[in-house]
Amino acid sequence: MLLALPFSARAQQPKKIPLVGYLSSGNPASESARAEGIRLALRERGYIEGQNIATEYRYAEGKSDRYPELAAELVRLKVDIILVVGSTVTRAVKNATKTIPIVMAGGGVDPVEAGSIESLARPGGNVTGITLLSRGLDGKKLELLKEAVPKITRVAVFYNPATPGAAREVKEVLPAPARALKLTIQPCEVRAADDFERAFAALKQRPDGLYVFGGALIFGNQKRTIGFALKNRLPSMYGNKAAVEAGGLMYYGADVADSYRRVAYFVDRILKGTPPSELPVEQPMRFEFVINLKTANQIGLTIPQWTLMKATKVIQ
């Protein structure tokens, strides 16, 4: 009996449920839709929060210097998987662990160029997941901006040159479609939160519109670019759907909700034993065009009917 007691006690211990770490460059409010979408998608695959899976959330709230610290916290918790939102966040987590599987939950930067993976088909290492990167979208975004505001001629482009690929997009990709549309591009670099006001003040010629790239810094300070655009009655095109829901004018890009749901597939496969190195990184298959009509009215802009008809979502 005495020998059997320890075995009996062990047999009655509850089974350890998987612990998922979630690290975002944003804040709980900005991440609520993404986090909820992933939670519901996991539920569809049989993973119910608090019953057979648990999540530890960490938010950098736009402060990139916090990434290493927050990544280290999740590693110390010995989570089974880390979900990451943002390319620079991915690098910080990859630097913190070479063994814990890392699943990218979207991001508009080329993960190969950023050094997160070896290739989309064969990611190698411990990183896989979803990238929202889609080649050739920049020209389409400029085209939609010009279509919505035919008289536009000068566009200020806000981007963080430290974001992998952003500088190349601005200097090598945007100029050709801009010339075709007879648009002049005004590059505006922002490397830190304090740079936004300086960038606004440094615009020597008033632009007719605003083109805002994605990235953790831009995302964490989207209220500033939105406020600048509204104050100066400028039509704006964003690389992040959340910015349009918060007051920006337009977004064209990956259907982010669809991508959030797909994250659950990677979590499920990894928890069932598939190494992340064997799971190809996926690109978006569905795209959406969102217009904030309330913002258009606020800046005195009438969106052409044919442009509104192209929208997959119109915010009234």
Protein backbone atom coordinates (compact mmCIF):
# COMPACT_ATOMS: atom_id res chain seq x y z
CA MET A 1 0.00 0.00 0.00
CA LEU A 2 2.77 2.42 0.94
CA LEU A 3 4.55 1.78 -2.35
CA ALA A 4 1.31 2.26 -4.27
CA LEU A 5 0.45 5.61 -2.67
CA PRO A 6 3.00 7.75 -4.56
CA PHE A 7 1.92 6.17 -7.87
CA SER A 8 -1.75 6.77 -7.04
CA ALA A 9 -1.07 10.40 -6.14
CA ARG A 10 0.81 10.97 -9.40
CA ALA A 11 -1.98 9.35 -11.40
CA GLN A 12 -4.50 11.78 -9.92
CA GLN A 13 -2.47 14.89 -10.75
CA PRO A 14 -4.09 17.00 -13.50
CA LYS A 15 -2.42 16.86 -16.90
CA LYS A 16 -0.35 19.94 -17.71
CA ILE A 17 -2.15 22.03 -20.29
CA PRO A 18 -0.18 23.81 -23.05
CA LEU A 19 0.87 27.36 -22.21
CA VAL A 20 1.00 29.84 -25.09
CA GLY A 21 2.87 33.13 -24.86
CA TYR A 22 1.50 36.12 -26.79
CA LEU A 23 3.80 39.08 -27.39
CA SER A 24 2.66 42.16 -29.30
CA SER A 25 4.18 45.52 -30.08
CA GLY A 26 0.77 47.09 -29.43
CA ASN A 27 -1.54 47.31 -26.42
CA PRO A 28 -4.53 45.27 -25.19
CA ALA A 29 -7.04 47.57 -26.92
CA SER A 30 -5.32 47.53 -30.31
CA GLU A 31 -4.76 43.78 -30.10
CA SER A 32 -8.23 42.80 -28.90
CA ALA A 33 -9.59 41.85 -32.34
CA ARG A 34 -6.53 39.81 -33.27
CA ALA A 35 -6.33 38.05 -29.89
CA GLU A 36 -10.05 37.27 -29.92
CA GLY A 37 -9.88 35.99 -33.50
CA ILE A 38 -7.06 33.61 -32.60
CA ARG A 39 -8.86 32.48 -29.44
CA LEU A 40 -12.03 31.65 -31.37
CA ALA A 41 -10.09 29.86 -34.11
CA LEU A 42 -8.34 27.75 -31.49
CA ARG A 43 -11.70 26.95 -29.94
CA GLU A 44 -12.91 25.64 -33.29
CA ARG A 45 -9.97 23.23 -33.20
CA GLY A 46 -10.86 22.06 -29.70
CA TYR A 47 -8.61 24.31 -27.62
CA ILE A 48 -10.66 26.06 -24.93
CA GLU A 49 -8.97 28.77 -22.88
CA GLY A 50 -8.65 27.76 -19.24
CA GLN A 51 -9.59 24.13 -19.91
CA ASN A 52 -7.01 22.58 -22.22
CA ILE A 53 -4.92 25.62 -23.17
CA ALA A 54 -3.76 28.79 -21.42
CA THR A 55 -2.28 32.07 -22.68
CA GLU A 56 0.13 34.57 -21.14
CA TYR A 57 -0.20 38.01 -22.77
CA ARG A 58 2.55 40.63 -22.95
CA TYR A 59 2.26 44.05 -24.64
CA ALA A 60 5.12 46.43 -25.46
CA GLU A 61 2.67 49.31 -26.08
CA GLY A 62 4.76 50.80 -28.87
CA LYS A 63 8.04 50.70 -26.90
CA SER A 64 10.50 48.60 -28.88
CA ASP A 65 13.08 48.69 -26.09
CA ARG A 66 10.74 46.45 -24.06
CA TYR A 67 10.77 43.57 -26.56
CA PRO A 68 13.83 41.74 -25.13
CA GLU A 69 12.56 42.05 -21.55
CA LEU A 70 9.06 40.77 -22.39
CA ALA A 71 10.45 37.97 -24.56
CA ALA A 72 12.70 36.88 -21.69
CA GLU A 73 9.69 36.82 -19.35
CA LEU A 74 7.84 34.38 -21.59
CA VAL A 75 10.91 32.18 -21.93
CA ARG A 76 11.28 32.04 -18.14
CA LEU A 77 7.63 30.95 -17.90
CA LYS A 78 8.59 27.97 -20.08
CA VAL A 79 5.71 28.51 -22.49
CA ASP A 80 5.18 25.84 -25.15
CA ILE A 81 4.72 28.27 -28.05
CA ILE A 82 5.18 32.03 -28.46
CA LEU A 83 2.83 33.95 -30.78
CA VAL A 84 4.44 37.16 -32.00
CA VAL A 85 2.95 40.20 -33.70
CA GLY A 86 5.43 42.32 -35.67
CA SER A 87 8.76 41.64 -37.39
CA THR A 88 10.95 43.38 -34.82
CA VAL A 89 9.12 41.49 -32.07
CA THR A 90 9.89 38.25 -33.89
CA ARG A 91 13.60 39.05 -33.94
CA ALA A 92 13.59 39.85 -30.21
CA VAL A 93 11.88 36.56 -29.37
CA LYS A 94 14.15 34.60 -31.71
CA ASN A 95 17.15 36.13 -29.92
CA ALA A 96 15.65 35.03 -26.59
CA THR A 97 15.09 31.37 -27.52
CA LYS A 98 16.29 28.95 -30.17
CA THR A 99 14.15 26.06 -28.92
CA ILE A 100 10.62 27.31 -28.12
CA PRO A 101 8.48 27.33 -31.30
CA ILE A 102 7.62 30.85 -32.49
CA VAL A 103 4.51 31.50 -34.58
CA MET A 104 4.23 34.82 -36.43
CA ALA A 105 0.68 36.15 -36.24
CA GLY A 106 0.94 38.54 -39.17
CA GLY A 107 3.27 41.36 -40.12
CA GLY A 108 3.90 43.24 -43.34
CA VAL A 109 7.68 42.85 -43.44
CA ASP A 110 9.45 40.17 -45.48
CA PRO A 111 10.47 37.60 -42.79
CA VAL A 112 13.28 36.30 -45.00
CA GLU A 113 14.75 39.77 -45.49
CA ALA A 114 14.32 40.42 -41.77
CA GLY A 115 16.35 37.29 -40.97
CA SER A 116 13.52 35.53 -39.12
CA ILE A 117 13.38 32.53 -41.46
CA GLU A 118 15.48 30.98 -44.24
CA SER A 119 12.67 30.85 -46.81
CA LEU A 120 8.88 30.80 -46.90
CA ALA A 121 8.77 27.15 -48.03
CA ARG A 122 11.51 25.97 -45.64
CA PRO A 123 11.63 28.36 -42.69
CA GLY A 124 14.23 26.37 -40.74
CA GLY A 125 14.92 27.03 -37.07
CA ASN A 126 12.03 27.63 -34.66
CA VAL A 127 9.99 30.31 -36.50
CA THR A 128 6.97 29.84 -38.78
CA GLY A 129 3.45 31.27 -39.14
CA ILE A 130 1.72 33.97 -41.16
CA THR A 131 3.18 36.94 -43.00
CA LEU A 132 0.91 39.65 -44.37
CA LEU A 133 3.56 40.56 -46.92
CA SER A 134 2.24 40.71 -50.47
CA ARG A 135 4.44 41.96 -53.28
CA GLY A 136 3.09 44.68 -55.53
CA LEU A 137 0.49 46.14 -53.17
CA ASP A 138 2.14 49.55 -52.87
CA GLY A 139 1.28 50.51 -56.43
CA LYS A 140 -2.31 49.40 -55.94
CA LYS A 141 -2.59 51.45 -52.75
CA LEU A 142 -1.36 54.58 -54.51
CA GLU A 143 -3.76 53.87 -57.37
CA LEU A 144 -6.73 53.64 -54.99
CA LEU A 145 -5.66 56.83 -53.19
CA LYS A 146 -5.44 58.67 -56.52
CA GLU A 147 -8.79 57.26 -57.63
CA ALA A 148 -10.45 58.41 -54.41
CA VAL A 149 -8.87 61.87 -54.70
CA PRO A 150 -8.18 62.58 -58.41
CA LYS A 151 -6.71 66.03 -57.74
CA ILE A 152 -4.00 64.68 -55.45
CA THR A 153 -0.42 65.36 -56.67
CA ARG A 154 1.89 65.24 -53.62
CA VAL A 155 1.93 62.42 -51.07
CA ALA A 156 3.91 62.34 -47.82
CA VAL A 157 5.13 58.82 -47.05
CA PHE A 158 5.76 58.02 -43.39
CA TYR A 159 7.98 55.03 -42.67
CA ASN A 160 10.60 53.73 -40.25
CA PRO A 161 13.84 53.01 -42.16
CA ALA A 162 14.85 50.60 -39.39
CA THR A 163 11.94 48.34 -40.34
CA PRO A 164 13.38 45.67 -42.68
CA GLY A 165 12.44 46.36 -46.28
CA ALA A 166 10.70 49.69 -45.61
CA ALA A 167 13.48 51.90 -47.01
CA ARG A 168 13.75 49.73 -50.13
CA GLU A 169 9.99 49.95 -50.69
CA VAL A 170 10.06 53.74 -50.44
CA LYS A 171 13.17 54.27 -52.57
CA GLU A 172 12.89 51.47 -55.13
CA VAL A 173 9.26 50.28 -55.32
CA LEU A 174 7.02 53.32 -54.85
CA PRO A 175 8.66 55.71 -57.36
CA ALA A 176 7.57 53.80 -60.50
CA PRO A 177 3.82 53.64 -59.74
CA ALA A 178 3.99 57.19 -58.38
CA ARG A 179 5.38 58.46 -61.70
CA ALA A 180 2.72 56.55 -63.62
CA LEU A 181 0.04 58.25 -61.50
CA LYS A 182 1.78 61.66 -61.77
CA LEU A 183 2.36 61.77 -58.01
CA THR A 184 5.30 63.31 -56.17
CA ILE A 185 6.50 61.33 -53.15
CA GLN A 186 7.78 63.09 -50.02
CA PRO A 187 9.59 60.49 -47.83
CA CYS A 188 9.26 61.17 -44.09
CA GLU A 189 11.51 59.09 -41.85
CA VAL A 190 10.55 58.34 -38.24
CA ARG A 191 12.92 56.29 -36.10
CA ALA A 192 11.49 57.01 -32.65
CA ALA A 193 8.26 58.29 -31.10
CA ASP A 194 9.73 61.79 -30.76
CA ASP A 195 10.34 61.98 -34.53
CA PHE A 196 6.71 62.30 -35.57
CA GLU A 197 6.19 65.93 -34.63
CA ARG A 198 9.55 66.85 -36.17
CA ALA A 199 8.59 65.02 -39.37
CA PHE A 200 5.28 66.89 -39.54
CA ALA A 201 7.02 70.23 -39.05
CA ALA A 202 9.74 69.37 -41.60
CA LEU A 203 7.29 69.05 -44.49
CA LYS A 204 8.37 72.04 -46.54
CA GLN A 205 5.47 71.74 -48.95
CA ARG A 206 2.01 70.82 -47.76
CA PRO A 207 1.13 67.35 -49.11
CA ASP A 208 -2.22 66.49 -50.65
CA GLY A 209 -2.30 63.10 -49.01
CA LEU A 210 -0.65 60.74 -46.55
CA TYR A 211 0.70 57.23 -47.18
CA VAL A 212 1.60 55.45 -43.94
CA PHE A 213 3.61 52.24 -43.85
CA GLY A 214 3.19 49.56 -41.20
CA GLY A 215 5.66 48.48 -38.52
CA ALA A 216 5.70 48.48 -34.74
CA LEU A 217 6.75 52.13 -34.32
CA ILE A 218 4.15 53.42 -36.78
CA PHE A 219 1.47 51.17 -35.30
CA GLY A 220 2.24 52.26 -31.75
CA ASN A 221 1.96 55.92 -32.74
CA GLN A 222 -0.91 55.75 -35.23
CA LYS A 223 -2.92 58.34 -33.28
CA ARG A 224 -0.32 60.92 -34.26
CA THR A 225 -0.51 60.32 -38.00
CA ILE A 226 -4.30 60.06 -37.84
CA GLY A 227 -4.48 63.32 -35.87
CA PHE A 228 -2.15 65.07 -38.34
CA ALA A 229 -4.22 63.90 -41.31
CA LEU A 230 -7.51 64.99 -39.74
CA LYS A 231 -6.16 68.35 -38.60
CA ASN A 232 -4.85 69.11 -42.09
CA ARG A 233 -7.80 67.49 -43.88
CA LEU A 234 -5.53 65.04 -45.72
CA PRO A 235 -6.78 61.80 -47.29
CA SER A 236 -4.69 58.89 -46.00
CA MET A 237 -3.80 55.34 -46.99
CA TYR A 238 -2.61 53.02 -44.21
CA GLY A 239 -0.73 49.76 -44.08
CA ASN A 240 -2.76 48.74 -41.05
CA LYS A 241 -6.51 48.16 -40.93
CA ALA A 242 -6.71 49.14 -37.26
CA ALA A 243 -5.58 52.66 -38.17
CA VAL A 244 -8.58 53.10 -40.48
CA GLU A 245 -10.92 51.79 -37.80
CA ALA A 246 -9.37 54.42 -35.51
CA GLY A 247 -9.88 57.33 -37.94
CA GLY A 248 -7.59 56.87 -40.94
CA LEU A 249 -9.25 57.07 -44.36
CA MET A 250 -8.34 53.90 -46.26
CA TYR A 251 -6.67 50.50 -45.96
CA TYR A 252 -5.90 48.03 -48.71
CA GLY A 253 -4.15 44.77 -47.92
CA ALA A 254 -4.47 41.31 -46.49
CA ASP A 255 -7.72 40.21 -44.91
CA VAL A 256 -6.26 40.29 -41.40
CA ALA A 257 -9.17 38.47 -39.74
CA ASP A 258 -8.65 35.53 -42.10
CA SER A 259 -4.95 35.51 -41.23
CA TYR A 260 -5.69 35.54 -37.49
CA ARG A 261 -7.82 32.42 -37.87
CA ARG A 262 -5.03 30.68 -39.74
CA VAL A 263 -2.66 31.09 -36.77
CA ALA A 264 -4.64 28.38 -34.95
CA TYR A 265 -3.55 25.87 -37.61
CA PHE A 266 0.11 26.42 -36.73
CA VAL A 267 -0.52 26.20 -33.00
CA ASP A 268 -2.43 22.94 -33.44
CA ARG A 269 0.22 21.33 -35.65
CA ILE A 270 3.06 22.29 -33.32
CA LEU A 271 1.25 21.09 -30.19
CA LYS A 272 0.70 17.78 -31.99
CA GLY A 273 4.41 17.40 -32.61
CA THR A 274 5.26 19.01 -35.97
CA PRO A 275 8.49 21.08 -35.77
CA PRO A 276 8.05 24.69 -36.90
CA SER A 277 10.89 24.19 -39.40
CA GLU A 278 8.61 21.80 -41.33
CA LEU A 279 5.65 24.21 -41.54
CA PRO A 280 5.94 26.61 -44.52
CA VAL A 281 5.21 30.26 -43.77
CA GLU A 282 1.95 31.30 -45.42
CA GLN A 283 1.12 34.50 -47.29
CA PRO A 284 -2.37 36.05 -47.46
CA MET A 285 -4.88 34.58 -49.88
CA ARG A 286 -7.67 37.12 -49.33
CA PHE A 287 -7.51 40.91 -49.47
CA GLU A 288 -9.77 43.74 -48.35
CA PHE A 289 -10.30 47.40 -49.09
CA VAL A 290 -11.65 49.41 -46.16
CA ILE A 291 -12.89 53.01 -46.36
CA ASN A 292 -13.80 55.15 -43.36
CA LEU A 293 -16.67 57.26 -44.73
CA LYS A 294 -16.98 59.11 -41.43
CA THR A 295 -13.40 60.32 -41.83
CA ALA A 296 -14.06 61.29 -45.46
CA ASN A 297 -16.95 63.48 -44.34
CA GLN A 298 -14.83 64.95 -41.55
CA ILE A 299 -12.12 66.13 -43.97
CA GLY A 300 -14.64 67.28 -46.55
CA LEU A 301 -13.91 64.56 -49.10
CA THR A 302 -16.48 62.97 -51.38
CA ILE A 303 -15.38 59.45 -52.33
CA PRO A 304 -16.40 58.55 -55.92
CA GLN A 305 -19.18 55.99 -56.09
CA TRP A 306 -17.09 53.58 -58.21
CA THR A 307 -14.40 53.60 -55.52
CA LEU A 308 -16.93 52.92 -52.75
CA MET A 309 -18.24 49.99 -54.77
CA LYS A 310 -14.79 48.37 -54.67
CA ALA A 311 -14.65 48.51 -50.86
CA THR A 312 -15.13 45.28 -48.92
CA LYS A 313 -16.03 47.35 -45.85
CA VAL A 314 -17.29 50.92 -45.44
CA ILE A 315 -17.17 52.44 -41.95
CA GLN A 316 -20.13 54.81 -41.59
